[in-house]
């Protein structure tokens, strides 16, 4: 549950060459996806968060991993993989 330690400081976004908010968004999605209490709104949450990230004009992840290096809480990029799985599941209706 290290993802729950994310404080939303934005260091990951600032460090990313693409200005991607993937690590921040992934930490929040992971935090709730791993808890039973987060399951009822799981699909809608990930869809809304990714859509908002896109609407705000954040870049895409290009696997530079500068975000993880800059994170003061040590949030790992493995959470980005979880975010990608969650958005695929939500888009497939699973």
Protein backbone atom coordinates (compact mmCIF):
# COMPACT_ATOMS: atom_id res chain seq x y z
CA UNK A 1 0.00 0.00 0.00
CA UNK A 2 2.90 2.35 -0.64
CA UNK A 3 0.71 3.98 -3.29
CA UNK A 4 -1.43 5.38 -0.47
CA UNK A 5 1.57 7.39 0.71
CA UNK A 6 1.36 9.68 -2.34
CA UNK A 7 0.99 13.26 -1.10
CA UNK A 8 0.18 14.77 -4.50
CA UNK A 9 3.24 17.02 -4.48
CA UNK A 10 3.66 16.95 -8.27
CA UNK A 11 7.38 16.12 -8.20
CA UNK A 12 6.74 13.20 -10.55
CA UNK A 13 5.02 15.42 -13.10
CA UNK A 14 7.74 18.05 -12.90
CA UNK A 15 10.49 15.45 -13.39
CA UNK A 16 8.84 13.79 -16.38
CA UNK A 17 10.17 14.90 -19.78
CA UNK A 18 6.61 14.58 -21.14
CA UNK A 19 4.90 16.26 -18.20
CA UNK A 20 3.00 13.03 -17.61
CA UNK A 21 0.85 12.64 -14.53
CA UNK A 22 0.77 8.86 -14.88
CA UNK A 23 2.57 8.08 -11.61
CA UNK A 24 0.35 10.38 -9.57
CA UNK A 25 -2.82 9.07 -11.22
CA UNK A 26 -1.58 5.49 -10.94
CA UNK A 27 -0.89 5.89 -7.23
CA UNK A 28 -4.42 7.09 -6.59
CA UNK A 29 -6.02 4.41 -8.75
CA UNK A 30 -3.85 1.69 -7.15
CA UNK A 31 -4.65 2.89 -3.67
CA UNK A 32 -8.35 2.26 -4.16
CA UNK A 33 -8.11 -0.72 -6.52
CA UNK A 34 -6.34 -2.73 -3.83
CA UNK A 35 -8.94 -2.07 -1.15
CA UNK A 36 -12.33 -3.82 -1.06
CA UNK A 37 -13.99 -0.48 -0.27
CA UNK A 38 -12.76 0.89 -3.59
CA UNK A 39 -14.36 -1.76 -5.78
CA UNK A 40 -17.90 -0.40 -6.23
CA UNK A 41 -16.69 2.70 -8.10
CA UNK A 42 -13.57 1.13 -9.56
CA UNK A 43 -14.38 1.36 -13.27
CA UNK A 44 -15.85 4.84 -13.10
CA UNK A 45 -12.97 6.13 -10.97
CA UNK A 46 -10.20 5.02 -13.33
CA UNK A 47 -12.10 6.23 -16.39
CA UNK A 48 -12.77 9.63 -14.85
CA UNK A 49 -9.20 10.08 -13.65
CA UNK A 50 -7.61 9.14 -16.97
CA UNK A 51 -10.08 11.27 -18.92
CA UNK A 52 -9.37 14.24 -16.65
CA UNK A 53 -5.63 13.74 -17.05
CA UNK A 54 -6.10 13.77 -20.83
CA UNK A 55 -8.41 16.81 -20.72
CA UNK A 56 -5.83 18.76 -18.71
CA UNK A 57 -3.21 18.08 -21.38
CA UNK A 58 -0.74 15.94 -19.46
CA UNK A 59 1.65 13.96 -21.64
CA UNK A 60 1.86 10.22 -22.00
CA UNK A 61 4.27 7.99 -20.16
CA UNK A 62 7.36 7.16 -22.21
CA UNK A 63 8.98 4.92 -19.58
CA UNK A 64 11.76 7.31 -18.62
CA UNK A 65 11.11 6.54 -14.90
CA UNK A 66 12.26 10.02 -13.86
CA UNK A 67 8.98 10.23 -11.94
CA UNK A 68 9.90 7.40 -9.60
CA UNK A 69 13.35 8.85 -8.98
CA UNK A 70 11.85 12.24 -8.07
CA UNK A 71 9.07 10.88 -5.86
CA UNK A 72 9.78 11.73 -2.21
CA UNK A 73 7.58 8.82 -1.07
CA UNK A 74 9.16 6.19 -3.32
CA UNK A 75 6.05 5.40 -5.37
CA UNK A 76 7.09 2.72 -7.87
CA UNK A 77 6.28 2.67 -11.59
CA UNK A 78 4.63 -0.72 -11.09
CA UNK A 79 1.57 1.33 -10.21
CA UNK A 80 1.49 2.63 -13.78
CA UNK A 81 1.13 -0.96 -14.97
CA UNK A 82 -1.77 -1.40 -12.54
CA UNK A 83 -3.36 1.80 -13.89
CA UNK A 84 -3.07 0.46 -17.43
CA UNK A 85 -4.67 -2.84 -16.41
CA UNK A 86 -7.49 -1.02 -14.61
CA UNK A 87 -8.27 1.24 -17.59
CA UNK A 88 -8.29 -1.75 -19.97
CA UNK A 89 -10.64 -3.67 -17.66
CA UNK A 90 -12.93 -0.65 -17.37
CA UNK A 91 -13.02 -0.15 -21.13
CA UNK A 92 -13.87 -3.82 -21.66
CA UNK A 93 -16.57 -3.70 -19.00
CA UNK A 94 -14.89 -6.26 -16.75
